[in-house]
Amino acid sequence: MRRVILILLILMQLMFFINYIINDGIIFFNIYVWSVLGVISLVTGWRAVKAGPNLYENRRVHSGLSLTLFILSIAS
């Protein structure tokens, strides 16, 4: 379940980056949504980096997803 949440947050962050590049800017309303998503992603990514993987989860996949989410949220 944690892996699914990490993947969905990564996809949402990438969607905002692509929207910014395609539209040459962000609509005013999207700034609030992007900032709230960034804060949620930052907290979730940090907690995932600090926590270990679940019993049946691969350590490399977990650390890769959590670091990717954390770096994307810092970049946004």
Protein backbone atom coordinates (compact mmCIF):
# COMPACT_ATOMS: atom_id res chain seq x y z
CA MET A 1 0.00 0.00 0.00
CA ARG A 2 2.84 2.37 0.81
CA ARG A 3 4.39 1.72 -2.60
CA VAL A 4 1.14 2.68 -4.34
CA ILE A 5 0.91 5.94 -2.40
CA LEU A 6 4.53 6.80 -3.24
CA ILE A 7 3.98 6.08 -6.94
CA LEU A 8 0.79 8.16 -7.06
CA LEU A 9 2.46 11.13 -5.35
CA ILE A 10 5.39 10.91 -7.77
CA LEU A 11 3.00 10.89 -10.74
CA MET A 12 1.12 13.90 -9.36
CA GLN A 13 4.36 15.84 -8.92
CA LEU A 14 5.40 14.99 -12.48
CA MET A 15 1.97 16.08 -13.74
CA PHE A 16 2.45 19.54 -12.21
CA PHE A 17 5.96 19.83 -13.71
CA ILE A 18 4.66 18.87 -17.17
CA ASN A 19 1.72 21.27 -16.81
CA TYR A 20 4.15 24.06 -15.91
CA ILE A 21 6.37 23.33 -18.94
CA ILE A 22 3.51 22.99 -21.43
CA ASN A 23 1.51 26.03 -20.30
CA ASP A 24 4.55 28.29 -19.70
CA GLY A 25 3.37 29.07 -16.20
CA ILE A 26 0.89 28.02 -13.59
CA ILE A 27 -2.65 29.21 -13.26
CA PHE A 28 -3.14 31.06 -9.96
CA PHE A 29 -5.35 28.32 -8.46
CA ASN A 30 -2.81 25.62 -9.29
CA ILE A 31 -0.19 27.33 -7.12
CA TYR A 32 -2.14 26.49 -3.97
CA VAL A 33 -2.79 22.92 -5.06
CA TRP A 34 0.87 22.46 -6.05
CA SER A 35 2.13 23.87 -2.75
CA VAL A 36 -0.18 21.66 -0.66
CA LEU A 37 0.82 18.63 -2.73
CA GLY A 38 4.48 19.58 -2.31
CA VAL A 39 4.19 19.76 1.47
CA ILE A 40 2.30 16.45 1.64
CA SER A 41 4.87 14.82 -0.66
CA LEU A 42 7.76 16.24 1.33
CA VAL A 43 6.41 14.85 4.62
CA THR A 44 5.50 11.50 3.08
CA GLY A 45 8.86 11.20 1.32
CA TRP A 46 10.79 12.05 4.49
CA ARG A 47 8.82 9.53 6.54
CA ALA A 48 9.34 6.89 3.86
CA VAL A 49 13.08 7.55 3.71
CA LYS A 50 13.38 7.20 7.49
CA ALA A 51 11.16 4.10 7.72
CA GLY A 52 12.25 0.73 6.51
CA PRO A 53 10.39 -1.30 3.92
CA ASN A 54 7.55 -3.59 4.86
CA LEU A 55 8.12 -7.29 5.36
CA TYR A 56 7.45 -8.29 1.74
CA GLU A 57 8.82 -5.17 0.06
CA ASN A 58 12.16 -4.95 -1.71
CA ARG A 59 14.58 -2.54 -0.01
CA ARG A 60 15.92 -1.13 -3.30
CA VAL A 61 12.46 -0.40 -4.69
CA HIS A 62 11.36 1.22 -1.44
CA SER A 63 14.44 3.42 -1.12
CA GLY A 64 14.32 4.37 -4.81
CA LEU A 65 10.67 5.42 -4.67
CA SER A 66 11.01 7.30 -1.40
CA LEU A 67 14.14 9.17 -2.51
CA THR A 68 12.54 10.03 -5.86
CA LEU A 69 9.47 11.43 -4.13
CA PHE A 70 11.56 13.38 -1.62
CA ILE A 71 13.78 14.90 -4.33
CA LEU A 72 10.79 15.79 -6.55
CA SER A 73 9.00 17.46 -3.64
CA ILE A 74 12.09 19.49 -2.77
CA ALA A 75 12.47 20.51 -6.43
CA SER A 76 8.87 21.67 -6.59
